[in-house]
């Protein structure tokens, strides 16, 4: 997905939710992270495979069963957009949400825009760096370096200071943060 497609699909999702009975008053807040953030803010890549989200609203959580009627309607709207645009069912990916919440329980967020009842936010650059480092895999390396450059971070100590400000010691240990930073920043 390129930037224009991301916006198109989110607009379609907002419209689909309204057609399914959601209203602007429902205010479904989401934090958009991952590759979508990198495409839209850092511009270090042209596209992403999906839109990674964390639900910030208490009344919608597609990661816990059983789903409420409202959550089922939301899931059906996501599937309808996938069908309309011939996308993977996972184009709107909430699988990472529980991990993002574990890395930073109260994420820093910057308002992006509304899509019908959806109020979309992006994380701060610092929070996005945390997400990439805590959930590190080799495919994240380019994103980590691009974010570090955006934040003017070049050393282990500089990156660690950002992590320390946002992530608990327990989460850092659970996700081997020190080893990851050490491997990436000498």
Protein backbone atom coordinates (compact mmCIF):
# COMPACT_ATOMS: atom_id res chain seq x y z
CA UNK A 1 0.00 0.00 0.00
CA UNK A 2 1.24 3.41 -0.95
CA UNK A 3 0.27 6.62 0.84
CA UNK A 4 -2.68 7.41 -1.44
CA UNK A 5 -3.99 3.86 -1.10
CA UNK A 6 -3.73 3.98 2.69
CA UNK A 7 -5.92 7.08 2.75
CA UNK A 8 -8.35 5.57 0.21
CA UNK A 9 -8.77 2.36 2.21
CA UNK A 10 -9.20 4.22 5.50
CA UNK A 11 -11.82 6.48 3.91
CA UNK A 12 -13.62 3.40 2.60
CA UNK A 13 -13.51 1.83 6.06
CA UNK A 14 -14.99 4.97 7.61
CA UNK A 15 -17.79 4.97 5.02
CA UNK A 16 -18.42 1.26 5.54
CA UNK A 17 -18.68 1.74 9.31
CA UNK A 18 -21.25 4.53 8.85
CA UNK A 19 -23.27 2.26 6.53
CA UNK A 20 -23.21 -0.37 9.29
CA UNK A 21 -24.72 1.97 11.86
CA UNK A 22 -21.69 3.59 13.45
CA UNK A 23 -21.89 7.32 13.99
CA UNK A 24 -19.35 10.09 14.43
CA UNK A 25 -20.28 10.06 18.13
CA UNK A 26 -18.86 6.53 18.47
CA UNK A 27 -15.32 7.98 18.29
CA UNK A 28 -13.26 4.88 17.65
CA UNK A 29 -9.71 5.98 18.40
CA UNK A 30 -6.84 4.10 16.80
CA UNK A 31 -3.09 4.49 16.80
CA UNK A 32 -1.56 3.70 13.41
CA UNK A 33 2.00 2.39 13.60
CA UNK A 34 4.39 0.14 11.69
CA UNK A 35 5.02 0.44 7.99
CA UNK A 36 2.17 2.90 7.50
CA UNK A 37 3.93 5.32 9.82
CA UNK A 38 7.18 4.84 7.93
CA UNK A 39 5.51 5.45 4.55
CA UNK A 40 3.60 8.52 5.67
CA UNK A 41 6.05 10.22 8.04
CA UNK A 42 9.59 9.05 7.48
CA UNK A 43 9.29 8.33 3.74
CA UNK A 44 12.07 5.75 3.85
CA UNK A 45 9.95 3.36 1.83
CA UNK A 46 7.23 3.67 -0.77
CA UNK A 47 4.78 1.09 0.54
CA UNK A 48 3.68 -1.21 3.33
CA UNK A 49 1.84 -4.53 3.43
CA UNK A 50 -0.84 -3.50 5.91
CA UNK A 51 -2.03 -0.88 8.36
CA UNK A 52 -0.93 -1.84 11.89
CA UNK A 53 -3.27 -0.45 14.53
CA UNK A 54 -3.75 -0.29 18.27
CA UNK A 55 -7.31 0.41 19.42
CA UNK A 56 -7.23 3.22 21.96
CA UNK A 57 -10.99 3.21 22.58
CA UNK A 58 -12.21 0.97 25.38
CA UNK A 59 -15.40 -0.06 23.55
CA UNK A 60 -13.62 -1.70 20.57
CA UNK A 61 -11.01 -4.42 20.94
CA UNK A 62 -10.86 -6.99 18.19
CA UNK A 63 -8.11 -8.95 19.95
CA UNK A 64 -10.26 -10.31 22.78
CA UNK A 65 -13.02 -12.86 22.45
CA UNK A 66 -15.94 -13.02 22.45
CA UNK A 67 -16.50 -10.00 20.21
CA UNK A 68 -19.40 -7.66 20.96
CA UNK A 69 -21.99 -6.92 18.26
CA UNK A 70 -20.25 -3.61 17.61
CA UNK A 71 -16.88 -5.34 17.28
CA UNK A 72 -18.37 -7.90 14.90
CA UNK A 73 -19.78 -5.06 12.78
CA UNK A 74 -16.36 -3.39 12.75
CA UNK A 75 -14.69 -6.64 11.68
CA UNK A 76 -17.32 -7.06 8.92
CA UNK A 77 -16.57 -3.53 7.68
CA UNK A 78 -12.85 -4.35 7.46
CA UNK A 79 -13.70 -7.49 5.45
CA UNK A 80 -16.00 -5.52 3.15
CA UNK A 81 -13.19 -3.08 2.31
CA UNK A 82 -10.85 -6.02 1.69
CA UNK A 83 -13.35 -7.48 -0.73
CA UNK A 84 -14.05 -4.15 -2.44
CA UNK A 85 -10.36 -3.47 -3.13
CA UNK A 86 -9.19 -7.10 -3.39
CA UNK A 87 -6.94 -6.80 -0.33
CA UNK A 88 -5.71 -9.43 2.10
CA UNK A 89 -8.09 -9.92 5.00
CA UNK A 90 -5.28 -8.66 7.25
CA UNK A 91 -4.93 -5.29 5.46
CA UNK A 92 -6.16 -3.63 8.70
CA UNK A 93 -3.95 -5.42 11.20
CA UNK A 94 -4.74 -5.24 14.89
CA UNK A 95 -2.51 -8.22 15.77
CA UNK A 96 0.32 -5.93 16.87
CA UNK A 97 -1.96 -3.87 19.12
CA UNK A 98 -1.47 -5.86 22.34
CA UNK A 99 2.31 -5.71 21.91
CA UNK A 100 2.28 -1.97 21.24
CA UNK A 101 0.26 -1.47 24.41
CA UNK A 102 2.74 -3.58 26.37
CA UNK A 103 5.74 -1.59 25.10
CA UNK A 104 4.19 1.78 25.98
CA UNK A 105 0.94 1.55 27.99
CA UNK A 106 0.08 5.25 27.47
CA UNK A 107 1.48 6.00 24.01
CA UNK A 108 2.37 9.47 22.86
CA UNK A 109 0.06 10.25 19.99
CA UNK A 110 -0.38 12.90 17.32
CA UNK A 111 -3.80 13.42 15.74
CA UNK A 112 -3.91 12.65 12.01
CA UNK A 113 -7.54 12.83 10.85
CA UNK A 114 -11.02 11.35 11.07
CA UNK A 115 -12.44 8.64 8.84
CA UNK A 116 -16.16 8.56 9.69
CA UNK A 117 -16.29 7.36 13.31
CA UNK A 118 -12.56 6.58 13.35
CA UNK A 119 -10.26 9.13 14.93
CA UNK A 120 -6.78 8.21 13.71
CA UNK A 121 -3.53 9.06 15.47
CA UNK A 122 0.11 8.36 14.79
CA UNK A 123 2.68 7.78 17.53
CA UNK A 124 5.44 10.29 18.15
CA UNK A 125 8.72 9.53 16.39
CA UNK A 126 10.18 8.48 19.73
CA UNK A 127 7.31 6.07 20.35
CA UNK A 128 7.63 4.65 16.84
CA UNK A 129 11.33 4.02 17.48
CA UNK A 130 10.38 2.18 20.67
CA UNK A 131 7.87 0.02 18.78
CA UNK A 132 10.45 -0.88 16.14
CA UNK A 133 13.15 -1.73 18.70
CA UNK A 134 10.91 -3.65 21.11
CA UNK A 135 9.43 -5.69 18.28
CA UNK A 136 12.71 -5.94 16.42
CA UNK A 137 13.38 -8.37 13.61
CA UNK A 138 15.93 -8.08 10.82
CA UNK A 139 13.32 -6.56 8.49
CA UNK A 140 12.97 -3.63 10.95
CA UNK A 141 16.61 -2.57 10.64
CA UNK A 142 16.10 0.03 7.89
CA UNK A 143 13.17 1.56 9.77
CA UNK A 144 15.13 1.75 13.04
CA UNK A 145 18.04 3.53 11.35
CA UNK A 146 15.70 5.90 9.48
CA UNK A 147 13.90 6.83 12.72
CA UNK A 148 17.18 7.26 14.59
CA UNK A 149 18.38 9.59 11.84
CA UNK A 150 15.12 11.58 12.02
CA UNK A 151 15.64 11.92 15.78
CA UNK A 152 19.38 12.68 15.39
CA UNK A 153 20.32 9.63 17.49
CA UNK A 154 23.62 7.96 16.68
CA UNK A 155 24.84 6.06 19.73
CA UNK A 156 23.68 3.36 22.10
CA UNK A 157 23.39 5.90 24.94
CA UNK A 158 21.26 8.30 22.90
CA UNK A 159 18.85 5.57 21.80
CA UNK A 160 18.77 4.02 25.28
CA UNK A 161 17.81 7.39 26.80
CA UNK A 162 14.72 7.53 24.54
CA UNK A 163 13.82 3.94 25.45
CA UNK A 164 14.32 4.60 29.18
CA UNK A 165 11.98 7.60 29.03
CA UNK A 166 9.12 5.57 27.53
CA UNK A 167 9.50 1.87 28.39
CA UNK A 168 9.47 0.18 31.78
CA UNK A 169 12.56 -1.75 32.87
CA UNK A 170 10.49 -4.94 32.91
CA UNK A 171 9.34 -4.49 29.30
CA UNK A 172 12.89 -3.66 28.25
CA UNK A 173 14.06 -6.92 29.80
CA UNK A 174 11.14 -8.94 28.40
CA UNK A 175 11.88 -7.76 24.85
CA UNK A 176 15.72 -7.85 25.04
CA UNK A 177 15.90 -4.14 24.29
CA UNK A 178 19.48 -3.62 25.51
CA UNK A 179 20.80 -6.40 23.27
CA UNK A 180 18.89 -5.05 20.28
CA UNK A 181 20.22 -1.52 20.78
CA UNK A 182 23.73 -2.85 21.37
CA UNK A 183 23.60 -4.83 18.12
CA UNK A 184 22.33 -1.84 16.14
CA UNK A 185 24.23 1.07 17.71
CA UNK A 186 27.88 0.64 18.64
